[in-house]
Amino acid sequence: MSVIHAPQLSFDDTAVAFAAKSDGELRKMYALFAAMNNNSLVKTGGGLMKTALKWSLPGTKFLIKNSIFGQFCGGETIEECLPVIQELGRYNIGTILDYSVEGEGSDKSFDATTTEILATLDMAHRSQHIPFSVFKVTGLADSKILEKVQAGVALSAVEQASFERSKKRINAICARAHQYGVRVFVDAEESWFQETIDQLTYEMMQRYNHESAIVWNTYQLYRQDRLDAIKTAYEAAVKGGYFLGGKLVRGAYMEKEARIAQQQGRNNPINPTKQATDDLYNESLRFCVQHADHISICAGTHNEASSLLLTQLMQENGLQPNDQRIWFAQLYGMSDNLTYNLANAGYNTAKYVPYGPVEAVMPYLLRRADENTAIAGQTSREFLLIQKEMNRRKSRK
């Protein structure tokens, strides 16, 4: 095995992290994250924004687009995202266009979402800066039917027809991805229908992943059983002669999972502690890198320790920083210290760039604000890094 010398990497290098930001943009970010560090302001402001949008109060949309929306979203349409795609591309950072509109659960909305995801694939095919597309199965299928399938409940004729239409939508997206050679993530969702999503995704892998990993499943490592799921999927891929693609995340539905498990009288699928989740995540990275002959992964994480570990694992296993089987990804508007420093060191890096009409993306934006709200008496990592860069620039003048 050849020795790979990993590039120097520091996630505290704010000069690299904020190289794309002007002094004015940095001050704007500082003000926004300062506001998001105020828990009561986030709660009150979120409610006021939703009310103002509902009543179409003058100036509301402009204010949101130029504050929290502008920080965490690329635009309202794919075309509006183009400047963001180009700007990230200048720093060798890919864009993952994430249509963040939550569907209405009707065939009309499922078909509209399918059309939009196909449009992101068309754009990815035309752009050198879009390495992945992404979709949620519940944007294309009725979650109640997915749940019934997992529970082994017989579907009615109407439900079976609906399920078959959903499978056609999923196949249309994966077929287009395969045609273009563009990778596509299938997002993870709630555990009570995740097995159905897994099965649908593995069927697409069997169909389209014979030359390379085109279709990628997502594994939420806050679930106790997900490394076992990865190992089982790997064995199936080896046996079936296709490649496994996996996006590794910690998870997004912890409180909901615990509540539903308690209501249904079953064991909570979530790890008992954050440390247990961190350990399982890092163990999963190790397994995947050691089996990179058949597994491609994207570390979708804002965790600095896990990101650094992955660079070390790549070095230990003789993988170059730009090996196309290994990717890092963070959300747009967050953790630029990871994204820009990783990209600067030559690693494959991308930003999830949500987009959609302001009104429809509000649930996503409010979740981002909640995530960035500091624990009482503390200042967020984002805020500290912005502050550090502003001070660094001031000292150089």
Protein backbone atom coordinates (compact mmCIF):
# COMPACT_ATOMS: atom_id res chain seq x y z
CA MET A 1 0.00 0.00 0.00
CA SER A 2 1.41 3.39 -0.97
CA VAL A 3 2.00 5.96 1.74
CA ILE A 4 -0.28 8.97 1.45
CA HIS A 5 0.83 12.19 3.09
CA ALA A 6 -2.28 14.04 4.25
CA PRO A 7 -2.27 17.79 3.64
CA GLN A 8 -2.01 20.14 6.59
CA LEU A 9 -5.49 20.79 7.89
CA SER A 10 -6.78 23.13 10.58
CA PHE A 11 -10.46 23.78 11.16
CA ASP A 12 -9.50 26.91 13.12
CA ASP A 13 -8.06 28.63 10.03
CA THR A 14 -10.64 31.38 9.65
CA ALA A 15 -8.72 33.09 6.84
CA VAL A 16 -9.51 30.07 4.64
CA ALA A 17 -12.97 29.48 6.14
CA PHE A 18 -14.21 32.99 5.32
CA ALA A 19 -12.10 33.77 2.26
CA ALA A 20 -15.26 34.12 0.17
CA LYS A 21 -16.81 36.70 2.53
CA SER A 22 -16.29 40.44 2.29
CA ASP A 23 -16.03 42.50 5.48
CA GLY A 24 -19.64 43.59 4.98
CA GLU A 25 -20.87 40.02 4.53
CA LEU A 26 -18.95 38.96 7.63
CA ARG A 27 -20.57 41.72 9.69
CA LYS A 28 -23.98 40.62 8.41
CA MET A 29 -23.26 37.01 9.44
CA TYR A 30 -22.06 38.23 12.84
CA ALA A 31 -25.33 40.07 13.44
CA LEU A 32 -27.43 37.10 12.28
CA PHE A 33 -25.65 34.52 14.44
CA ALA A 34 -25.68 36.92 17.38
CA ALA A 35 -29.46 37.08 17.04
CA MET A 36 -29.69 33.29 16.76
CA ASN A 37 -27.77 32.94 20.01
CA ASN A 38 -30.77 34.50 21.76
CA ASN A 39 -33.20 31.66 22.39
CA SER A 40 -36.22 33.81 23.17
CA LEU A 41 -35.56 36.00 20.12
CA VAL A 42 -35.45 32.91 17.87
CA LYS A 43 -38.74 31.59 19.25
CA THR A 44 -40.50 34.96 19.06
CA GLY A 45 -38.97 35.97 15.73
CA GLY A 46 -39.87 32.67 14.08
CA GLY A 47 -43.51 33.06 15.03
CA LEU A 48 -43.58 36.67 13.86
CA MET A 49 -42.02 35.77 10.50
CA LYS A 50 -44.58 33.02 9.87
CA THR A 51 -47.43 35.36 10.77
CA ALA A 52 -46.09 38.18 8.63
CA LEU A 53 -45.72 35.84 5.63
CA LYS A 54 -49.20 34.44 6.16
CA TRP A 55 -50.69 37.94 6.04
CA SER A 56 -48.35 39.07 3.22
CA LEU A 57 -47.17 42.09 5.19
CA PRO A 58 -45.16 44.49 2.98
CA GLY A 59 -41.41 44.01 3.11
CA THR A 60 -41.54 40.70 4.99
CA LYS A 61 -40.29 38.52 2.15
CA PHE A 62 -37.54 41.01 1.29
CA LEU A 63 -36.39 41.06 4.92
CA ILE A 64 -36.31 37.26 5.20
CA LYS A 65 -34.56 36.78 1.85
CA ASN A 66 -31.85 39.23 2.92
CA SER A 67 -31.31 37.69 6.35
CA ILE A 68 -31.90 34.08 7.42
CA PHE A 69 -32.98 32.85 3.96
CA GLY A 70 -29.91 34.38 2.33
CA GLN A 71 -27.65 32.75 4.92
CA PHE A 72 -29.00 29.19 4.65
CA CYS A 73 -30.64 28.95 1.18
CA GLY A 74 -29.40 29.37 -2.37
CA GLY A 75 -32.55 30.98 -3.77
CA GLU A 76 -36.18 30.32 -4.55
CA THR A 77 -35.44 28.51 -7.83
CA ILE A 78 -32.59 26.56 -9.38
CA GLU A 79 -31.77 29.60 -11.53
CA GLU A 80 -31.52 31.82 -8.45
CA CYS A 81 -29.00 29.35 -7.00
CA LEU A 82 -26.58 29.77 -9.92
CA PRO A 83 -24.46 32.53 -8.29
CA VAL A 84 -24.08 30.39 -5.16
CA ILE A 85 -23.10 27.36 -7.26
CA GLN A 86 -20.47 29.41 -9.09
CA GLU A 87 -19.15 31.02 -5.91
CA LEU A 88 -18.73 27.68 -4.14
CA GLY A 89 -17.18 26.24 -7.28
CA ARG A 90 -14.48 28.93 -7.21
CA TYR A 91 -13.25 27.32 -3.99
CA ASN A 92 -13.55 23.75 -5.33
CA ILE A 93 -16.71 23.13 -3.30
CA GLY A 94 -19.57 21.25 -4.93
CA THR A 95 -23.24 22.11 -4.59
CA ILE A 96 -25.99 19.65 -3.68
CA LEU A 97 -29.28 21.29 -4.70
CA ASP A 98 -31.81 20.38 -2.02
CA TYR A 99 -35.42 21.15 -2.91
CA SER A 100 -36.65 21.91 0.60
CA VAL A 101 -40.39 22.17 0.01
CA GLU A 102 -42.43 19.77 2.11
CA GLY A 103 -45.04 18.09 -0.11
CA GLU A 104 -48.79 18.10 0.40
CA GLY A 105 -49.14 14.32 0.13
CA SER A 106 -51.12 14.28 -3.14
CA ASP A 107 -50.22 12.73 -6.48
CA LYS A 108 -50.09 16.24 -7.92
CA SER A 109 -47.47 17.34 -5.36
CA PHE A 110 -45.53 14.07 -5.74
CA ASP A 111 -45.38 14.55 -9.52
CA ALA A 112 -44.34 18.20 -9.13
CA THR A 113 -41.54 17.22 -6.75
CA THR A 114 -40.38 14.51 -9.16
CA THR A 115 -40.21 17.09 -11.96
CA GLU A 116 -38.17 19.40 -9.73
CA ILE A 117 -35.70 16.66 -8.73
CA LEU A 118 -35.26 15.75 -12.40
CA ALA A 119 -34.51 19.43 -13.04
CA THR A 120 -31.74 19.35 -10.41
CA LEU A 121 -30.26 16.36 -12.23
CA ASP A 122 -30.44 18.23 -15.54
CA MET A 123 -28.57 21.12 -13.92
CA ALA A 124 -26.01 18.76 -12.37
CA HIS A 125 -25.43 17.26 -15.82
CA ARG A 126 -24.71 20.74 -17.22
CA SER A 127 -22.56 21.94 -14.32
CA GLN A 128 -19.14 20.73 -13.21
CA HIS A 129 -19.90 22.04 -9.71
CA ILE A 130 -22.87 19.78 -8.80
CA PRO A 131 -21.65 16.29 -7.83
CA PHE A 132 -24.92 15.03 -6.27
CA SER A 133 -28.68 15.41 -6.36
CA VAL A 134 -30.91 14.44 -3.44
CA PHE A 135 -34.52 13.57 -2.69
CA LYS A 136 -36.78 12.38 0.09
CA VAL A 137 -38.97 9.39 -0.66
CA THR A 138 -41.85 11.05 1.25
CA GLY A 139 -41.70 13.81 -1.36
CA LEU A 140 -42.74 11.16 -3.91
CA ALA A 141 -44.78 8.69 -1.86
CA ASP A 142 -47.44 8.54 0.84
CA SER A 143 -45.69 7.94 4.20
CA LYS A 144 -48.68 6.02 5.54
CA ILE A 145 -48.36 3.51 2.68
CA LEU A 146 -44.61 3.23 3.28
CA GLU A 147 -45.38 2.52 6.93
CA LYS A 148 -47.95 -0.16 6.04
CA VAL A 149 -45.49 -1.87 3.71
CA GLN A 150 -42.87 -2.01 6.50
CA ALA A 151 -45.41 -3.34 8.99
CA GLY A 152 -46.45 -6.09 6.57
CA VAL A 153 -50.01 -4.77 6.36
CA ALA A 154 -51.84 -5.71 3.18
CA LEU A 155 -52.43 -2.74 0.88
CA SER A 156 -55.78 -2.06 -0.72
CA ALA A 157 -55.93 -1.96 -4.52
CA VAL A 158 -55.90 1.85 -4.41
CA GLU A 159 -52.93 1.90 -2.04
CA GLN A 160 -51.02 -0.64 -4.13
CA ALA A 161 -51.57 1.46 -7.23
CA SER A 162 -50.32 4.53 -5.36
CA PHE A 163 -47.23 2.63 -4.19
CA GLU A 164 -46.48 1.48 -7.73
CA ARG A 165 -46.70 5.09 -8.97
CA SER A 166 -44.24 6.09 -6.26
CA LYS A 167 -41.81 3.39 -7.33
CA LYS A 168 -42.02 4.67 -10.91
CA ARG A 169 -41.17 8.20 -9.72
CA ILE A 170 -38.15 6.91 -7.79
CA ASN A 171 -37.01 4.87 -10.78
CA ALA A 172 -37.38 7.86 -13.13
CA ILE A 173 -35.03 9.87 -10.92
CA CYS A 174 -32.47 7.08 -10.53
CA ALA A 175 -32.58 6.25 -14.24
CA ARG A 176 -31.88 9.91 -15.12
CA ALA A 177 -29.03 9.98 -12.58
CA HIS A 178 -27.55 6.84 -14.15
CA GLN A 179 -27.95 8.27 -17.65
CA TYR A 180 -26.02 11.39 -16.64
CA GLY A 181 -23.54 9.70 -14.31
CA VAL A 182 -24.67 12.00 -11.49
CA ARG A 183 -24.82 10.55 -7.98
CA VAL A 184 -28.11 10.82 -6.11
CA PHE A 185 -28.73 10.66 -2.36
CA VAL A 186 -31.90 9.08 -0.99
CA ASP A 187 -32.45 10.84 2.34
CA ALA A 188 -33.14 8.93 5.56
CA GLU A 189 -36.45 9.42 7.37
CA GLU A 190 -38.38 8.02 10.35
CA SER A 191 -37.60 4.47 11.53
CA TRP A 192 -41.18 3.20 11.16
CA PHE A 193 -40.90 3.35 7.39
CA GLN A 194 -37.12 3.56 6.87
CA GLU A 195 -36.89 -0.14 6.05
CA THR A 196 -39.26 0.42 3.12
CA ILE A 197 -37.07 3.30 1.93
CA ASP A 198 -33.98 1.13 2.34
CA GLN A 199 -35.51 -1.66 0.27
CA LEU A 200 -36.57 0.69 -2.51
CA THR A 201 -33.09 2.24 -2.53
CA TYR A 202 -31.30 -1.11 -2.65
CA GLU A 203 -33.48 -2.14 -5.59
CA MET A 204 -32.28 1.00 -7.40
CA MET A 205 -28.65 0.19 -6.50
CA GLN A 206 -29.04 -3.31 -7.92
CA ARG A 207 -30.32 -1.73 -11.12
CA TYR A 208 -27.99 1.26 -11.52
CA ASN A 209 -24.82 0.81 -9.42
CA HIS A 210 -22.95 -1.80 -11.45
CA GLU A 211 -20.36 0.59 -12.93
CA SER A 212 -20.09 2.92 -9.93
CA ALA A 213 -22.11 4.14 -6.93
CA ILE A 214 -24.86 6.25 -8.51
CA VAL A 215 -27.66 5.68 -5.98
CA TRP A 216 -26.67 6.33 -2.34
CA ASN A 217 -28.64 5.43 0.77
CA THR A 218 -28.49 7.54 3.96
CA TYR A 219 -27.66 6.06 7.36
CA GLN A 220 -28.60 7.88 10.57
CA LEU A 221 -25.97 6.72 13.03
CA TYR A 222 -27.89 7.87 16.08
CA ARG A 223 -29.82 4.64 15.48
CA GLN A 224 -28.28 1.67 17.25
CA ASP A 225 -28.71 -0.71 14.30
CA ARG A 226 -27.31 1.35 11.43
CA LEU A 227 -23.76 0.00 11.30
CA ASP A 228 -25.27 -3.48 11.13
CA ALA A 229 -27.46 -2.20 8.27
CA ILE A 230 -24.37 -0.89 6.45
CA LYS A 231 -22.57 -4.22 6.88
CA THR A 232 -25.58 -6.16 5.60
CA ALA A 233 -25.90 -3.82 2.61
CA TYR A 234 -22.19 -4.19 1.87
CA GLU A 235 -22.42 -7.99 1.86
CA ALA A 236 -25.44 -7.82 -0.47
CA ALA A 237 -23.59 -5.43 -2.80
CA VAL A 238 -20.53 -7.69 -3.00
CA LYS A 239 -22.72 -10.72 -3.64
CA GLY A 240 -24.83 -8.86 -6.19
CA GLY A 241 -21.87 -7.35 -8.03
CA TYR A 242 -22.80 -3.71 -7.53
CA PHE A 243 -21.45 -0.77 -5.52
CA LEU A 244 -22.87 0.58 -2.27
CA GLY A 245 -23.15 4.33 -1.79
CA GLY A 246 -23.76 5.64 1.71
CA LYS A 247 -24.27 9.09 3.18
CA LEU A 248 -23.40 8.92 6.88
CA VAL A 249 -25.18 11.38 9.16
CA ARG A 250 -25.89 11.44 12.87
CA GLY A 251 -29.65 11.94 12.55
CA ALA A 252 -32.55 14.35 12.38
CA TYR A 253 -35.58 12.96 14.23
CA MET A 254 -34.31 12.12 17.74
CA GLU A 255 -37.10 13.61 19.86
CA LYS A 256 -39.81 12.34 17.51
CA GLU A 257 -38.30 8.83 17.44
CA ALA A 258 -38.20 8.64 21.25
CA ARG A 259 -41.76 9.94 21.60
CA ILE A 260 -43.28 7.57 19.01
CA ALA A 261 -41.38 4.57 20.40
CA GLN A 262 -42.79 5.29 23.85
CA GLN A 263 -46.32 5.72 22.48
CA GLN A 264 -46.10 2.42 20.60
CA GLY A 265 -44.55 0.57 23.54
CA ARG A 266 -41.38 -0.42 21.72
CA ASN A 267 -37.70 0.14 22.40
CA ASN A 268 -36.25 3.51 21.48
CA PRO A 269 -34.03 2.91 18.40
CA ILE A 270 -31.78 5.87 19.29
CA ASN A 271 -28.42 5.41 21.02
CA PRO A 272 -28.60 6.08 24.78
CA THR A 273 -25.95 8.82 24.76
CA LYS A 274 -24.33 11.29 22.37
CA GLN A 275 -21.01 9.57 22.99
CA ALA A 276 -22.51 6.27 21.84
CA THR A 277 -23.65 7.97 18.63
CA ASP A 278 -20.23 9.54 18.10
CA ASP A 279 -18.55 6.17 18.63
CA LEU A 280 -20.92 4.40 16.23
CA TYR A 281 -20.47 7.12 13.61
CA ASN A 282 -16.68 6.87 13.78
CA GLU A 283 -16.77 3.08 13.75
CA SER A 284 -18.94 3.26 10.62
CA LEU A 285 -16.40 5.56 8.95
CA ARG A 286 -13.68 3.00 9.72
CA PHE A 287 -15.67 0.12 8.27
CA CYS A 288 -16.56 2.00 5.09
CA VAL A 289 -13.04 3.27 4.40
CA GLN A 290 -11.61 -0.20 4.99
CA HIS A 291 -14.08 -1.51 2.38
CA ALA A 292 -13.73 1.33 -0.13
CA ASP A 293 -13.37 -1.27 -2.88
CA HIS A 294 -17.15 -1.63 -2.75
CA ILE A 295 -18.38 1.32 -0.65
CA SER A 296 -18.42 5.02 -1.52
CA ILE A 297 -19.30 7.38 1.33
CA CYS A 298 -20.18 10.97 2.05
CA ALA A 299 -19.62 12.13 5.63
CA GLY A 300 -22.55 14.48 6.06
CA THR A 301 -21.41 15.97 9.34
CA HIS A 302 -20.60 19.21 11.14
CA ASN A 303 -18.54 17.32 13.69
CA GLU A 304 -14.89 18.36 13.53
CA ALA A 305 -13.51 15.25 15.26
CA SER A 306 -15.28 12.88 12.83
CA SER A 307 -14.20 14.94 9.82
CA LEU A 308 -10.58 14.90 10.97
CA LEU A 309 -10.79 11.17 11.69
CA LEU A 310 -11.98 10.49 8.15
CA THR A 311 -8.95 12.32 6.70
CA GLN A 312 -6.71 10.17 8.93
CA LEU A 313 -8.50 6.96 7.92
CA MET A 314 -8.02 7.85 4.27
CA GLN A 315 -4.30 8.31 4.84
CA GLU A 316 -4.01 5.04 6.78
CA ASN A 317 -5.79 3.16 4.00
CA GLY A 318 -3.80 4.68 1.16
CA LEU A 319 -6.60 6.83 -0.26
CA GLN A 320 -5.74 10.16 -1.88
CA PRO A 321 -7.63 13.24 -0.59
CA ASN A 322 -9.41 13.56 -3.96
CA ASP A 323 -10.46 9.89 -4.18
CA GLN A 324 -13.94 10.07 -5.70
CA ARG A 325 -15.25 7.38 -3.34
CA ILE A 326 -14.95 9.68 -0.30
CA TRP A 327 -16.83 12.96 0.17
CA PHE A 328 -17.50 15.46 2.93
CA ALA A 329 -20.65 17.61 3.07
CA GLN A 330 -22.07 20.35 5.28
CA LEU A 331 -25.11 22.59 5.12
CA TYR A 332 -24.87 25.88 3.27
CA GLY A 333 -24.42 28.75 5.70
CA MET A 334 -22.93 26.57 8.44
CA SER A 335 -19.52 25.12 9.33
CA ASP A 336 -17.57 26.97 6.66
CA ASN A 337 -14.47 26.26 8.75
CA LEU A 338 -14.89 22.57 7.83
CA THR A 339 -16.01 22.92 4.22
CA TYR A 340 -13.53 25.53 3.02
CA ASN A 341 -10.53 24.10 4.86
CA LEU A 342 -11.25 20.57 3.62
CA ALA A 343 -11.66 21.82 0.05
CA ASN A 344 -8.52 23.92 0.36
CA ALA A 345 -6.62 20.78 1.41
CA GLY A 346 -7.84 18.93 -1.68
CA TYR A 347 -10.65 16.79 -0.25
CA ASN A 348 -13.93 16.23 -2.13
CA THR A 349 -16.30 18.62 -0.41
CA ALA A 350 -19.84 19.84 -1.06
CA LYS A 351 -22.50 22.05 0.48
CA TYR A 352 -26.15 21.11 0.80
CA VAL A 353 -27.86 24.16 -0.73
CA PRO A 354 -31.59 24.24 0.09
CA TYR A 355 -33.87 26.18 -2.24
CA GLY A 356 -37.56 26.82 -2.77
CA PRO A 357 -40.17 29.55 -2.27
CA VAL A 358 -39.56 31.52 0.93
CA GLU A 359 -42.95 30.60 2.41
CA ALA A 360 -42.45 26.89 1.74
CA VAL A 361 -38.89 26.80 3.09
CA MET A 362 -39.75 28.48 6.42
CA PRO A 363 -39.99 25.17 8.37
CA TYR A 364 -36.43 24.35 7.23
CA LEU A 365 -35.16 27.82 8.17
CA LEU A 366 -36.68 27.72 11.63
CA ARG A 367 -35.04 24.33 12.25
CA ARG A 368 -31.66 25.84 11.29
CA ALA A 369 -32.25 28.75 13.67
CA ASP A 370 -33.13 26.33 16.48
CA GLU A 371 -30.01 24.26 15.82
CA ASN A 372 -27.80 27.33 15.99
CA THR A 373 -29.33 28.69 19.17
CA ALA A 374 -26.70 28.45 21.88
CA ILE A 375 -27.11 26.55 25.12
CA ALA A 376 -27.73 29.03 27.96
CA GLY A 377 -24.57 30.96 28.86
CA GLN A 378 -22.58 29.75 25.83
CA THR A 379 -21.73 31.21 22.46
CA SER A 380 -22.06 29.11 19.33
CA ARG A 381 -19.03 27.82 17.47
CA GLU A 382 -20.15 29.70 14.35
CA PHE A 383 -20.33 33.00 16.22
CA LEU A 384 -16.89 32.54 17.79
CA LEU A 385 -15.27 31.78 14.44
CA ILE A 386 -16.84 34.80 12.75
CA GLN A 387 -15.70 36.95 15.67
CA LYS A 388 -12.19 35.53 15.38
CA GLU A 389 -11.99 36.32 11.66
CA MET A 390 -13.29 39.85 12.13
CA ASN A 391 -10.61 40.45 14.78
CA ARG A 392 -7.94 38.92 12.53
CA ARG A 393 -8.88 41.24 9.67
CA LYS A 394 -9.01 44.26 11.99
CA SER A 395 -5.52 43.53 13.32
CA ARG A 396 -4.11 43.46 9.78
CA LYS A 397 -5.39 46.92 8.86
